[in-house]
Amino acid sequence: MLTQRADTAAARAEAELAERRAAFDRATAEAEAIGPEADVIELIDCALALHAAEAVLSARSAPPR
């Protein structure tokens, strides 16, 4: 049962990471299309959320110490 929970948590972390990557890709494309008038705060928010999701997934897949 513990393995099943870990698998479910890892799957959730992977899904979250995929969502964050997609949001970052959309924000980046929008910023590139708009140019200098782009909302930099949205891009930074997406980048930070992506970084956090990557850290969560990395921590979940790291071997226990």
C-alpha atoms as a PDB file:
ATOM      1  CA  MET A   1       0.000   0.000   0.000  1.00  0.00           C
ATOM      2  CA  LEU A   2       2.895   2.352   0.743  1.00  0.00           C
ATOM      3  CA  THR A   3       4.309   1.722  -2.743  1.00  0.00           C
ATOM      4  CA  GLN A   4       0.922   2.490  -4.280  1.00  0.00           C
ATOM      5  CA  ARG A   5       0.784   5.828  -2.420  1.00  0.00           C
ATOM      6  CA  ALA A   6       4.299   6.685  -3.543  1.00  0.00           C
ATOM      7  CA  ASP A   7       3.410   5.822  -7.142  1.00  0.00           C
ATOM      8  CA  THR A   8       0.277   7.978  -6.937  1.00  0.00           C
ATOM      9  CA  ALA A   9       2.234  10.889  -5.460  1.00  0.00           C
ATOM     10  CA  ALA A  10       4.903  10.554  -8.144  1.00  0.00           C
ATOM     11  CA  ALA A  11       2.255  10.484 -10.871  1.00  0.00           C
ATOM     12  CA  ARG A  12       0.676  13.617  -9.398  1.00  0.00           C
ATOM     13  CA  ALA A  13       4.071  15.337  -9.276  1.00  0.00           C
ATOM     14  CA  GLU A  14       4.726  14.404 -12.911  1.00  0.00           C
ATOM     15  CA  ALA A  15       1.311  15.721 -13.962  1.00  0.00           C
ATOM     16  CA  GLU A  16       1.917  18.951 -12.037  1.00  0.00           C
ATOM     17  CA  LEU A  17       5.291  19.337 -13.737  1.00  0.00           C
ATOM     18  CA  ALA A  18       3.729  18.809 -17.165  1.00  0.00           C
ATOM     19  CA  GLU A  19       1.076  21.443 -16.405  1.00  0.00           C
ATOM     20  CA  ARG A  20       3.713  23.912 -15.203  1.00  0.00           C
ATOM     21  CA  ARG A  21       5.858  23.306 -18.295  1.00  0.00           C
ATOM     22  CA  ALA A  22       2.872  23.933 -20.556  1.00  0.00           C
ATOM     23  CA  ALA A  23       1.994  27.142 -18.678  1.00  0.00           C
ATOM     24  CA  PHE A  24       5.581  28.338 -18.946  1.00  0.00           C
ATOM     25  CA  ASP A  25       5.666  27.521 -22.665  1.00  0.00           C
ATOM     26  CA  ARG A  26       2.441  29.476 -23.210  1.00  0.00           C
ATOM     27  CA  ALA A  27       3.692  32.448 -21.202  1.00  0.00           C
ATOM     28  CA  THR A  28       6.997  32.420 -23.066  1.00  0.00           C
ATOM     29  CA  ALA A  29       5.298  32.286 -26.460  1.00  0.00           C
ATOM     30  CA  GLU A  30       2.957  35.098 -25.462  1.00  0.00           C
ATOM     31  CA  ALA A  31       5.853  37.226 -24.193  1.00  0.00           C
ATOM     32  CA  GLU A  32       7.773  36.662 -27.419  1.00  0.00           C
ATOM     33  CA  ALA A  33       4.725  37.597 -29.498  1.00  0.00           C
ATOM     34  CA  ILE A  34       3.983  40.735 -27.510  1.00  0.00           C
ATOM     35  CA  GLY A  35       7.571  41.898 -27.262  1.00  0.00           C
ATOM     36  CA  PRO A  36       8.776  44.512 -24.784  1.00  0.00           C
ATOM     37  CA  GLU A  37       5.240  45.174 -23.496  1.00  0.00           C
ATOM     38  CA  ALA A  38       4.881  41.575 -22.243  1.00  0.00           C
ATOM     39  CA  ASP A  39       3.811  40.833 -18.676  1.00  0.00           C
ATOM     40  CA  VAL A  40       7.148  39.853 -17.169  1.00  0.00           C
ATOM     41  CA  ILE A  41       5.565  39.068 -13.800  1.00  0.00           C
ATOM     42  CA  GLU A  42       3.434  36.304 -15.336  1.00  0.00           C
ATOM     43  CA  LEU A  43       6.500  34.824 -16.994  1.00  0.00           C
ATOM     44  CA  ILE A  44       8.442  34.912 -13.721  1.00  0.00           C
ATOM     45  CA  ASP A  45       5.510  33.341 -11.838  1.00  0.00           C
ATOM     46  CA  CYS A  46       5.377  30.518 -14.372  1.00  0.00           C
ATOM     47  CA  ALA A  47       9.149  30.026 -14.178  1.00  0.00           C
ATOM     48  CA  LEU A  48       9.062  29.851 -10.374  1.00  0.00           C
ATOM     49  CA  ALA A  49       6.146  27.409 -10.401  1.00  0.00           C
ATOM     50  CA  LEU A  50       7.975  25.251 -12.938  1.00  0.00           C
ATOM     51  CA  HIS A  51      11.118  25.296 -10.818  1.00  0.00           C
ATOM     52  CA  ALA A  52       9.137  24.292  -7.721  1.00  0.00           C
ATOM     53  CA  ALA A  53       7.419  21.435  -9.578  1.00  0.00           C
ATOM     54  CA  GLU A  54      10.793  20.201 -10.838  1.00  0.00           C
ATOM     55  CA  ALA A  55      12.164  20.268  -7.283  1.00  0.00           C
ATOM     56  CA  VAL A  56       9.193  18.289  -5.951  1.00  0.00           C
ATOM     57  CA  LEU A  57       9.547  15.637  -8.629  1.00  0.00           C
ATOM     58  CA  SER A  58      13.296  15.462  -8.109  1.00  0.00           C
ATOM     59  CA  ALA A  59      12.855  15.036  -4.348  1.00  0.00           C
ATOM     60  CA  ARG A  60      10.276  12.294  -4.855  1.00  0.00           C
ATOM     61  CA  SER A  61      12.505  10.349  -7.234  1.00  0.00           C
ATOM     62  CA  ALA A  62      15.665  10.702  -5.146  1.00  0.00           C
ATOM     63  CA  PRO A  63      16.680   7.573  -3.258  1.00  0.00           C
ATOM     64  CA  PRO A  64      16.006   7.724   0.499  1.00  0.00           C
ATOM     65  CA  ARG A  65      18.940   8.606   2.696  1.00  0.00           C
END
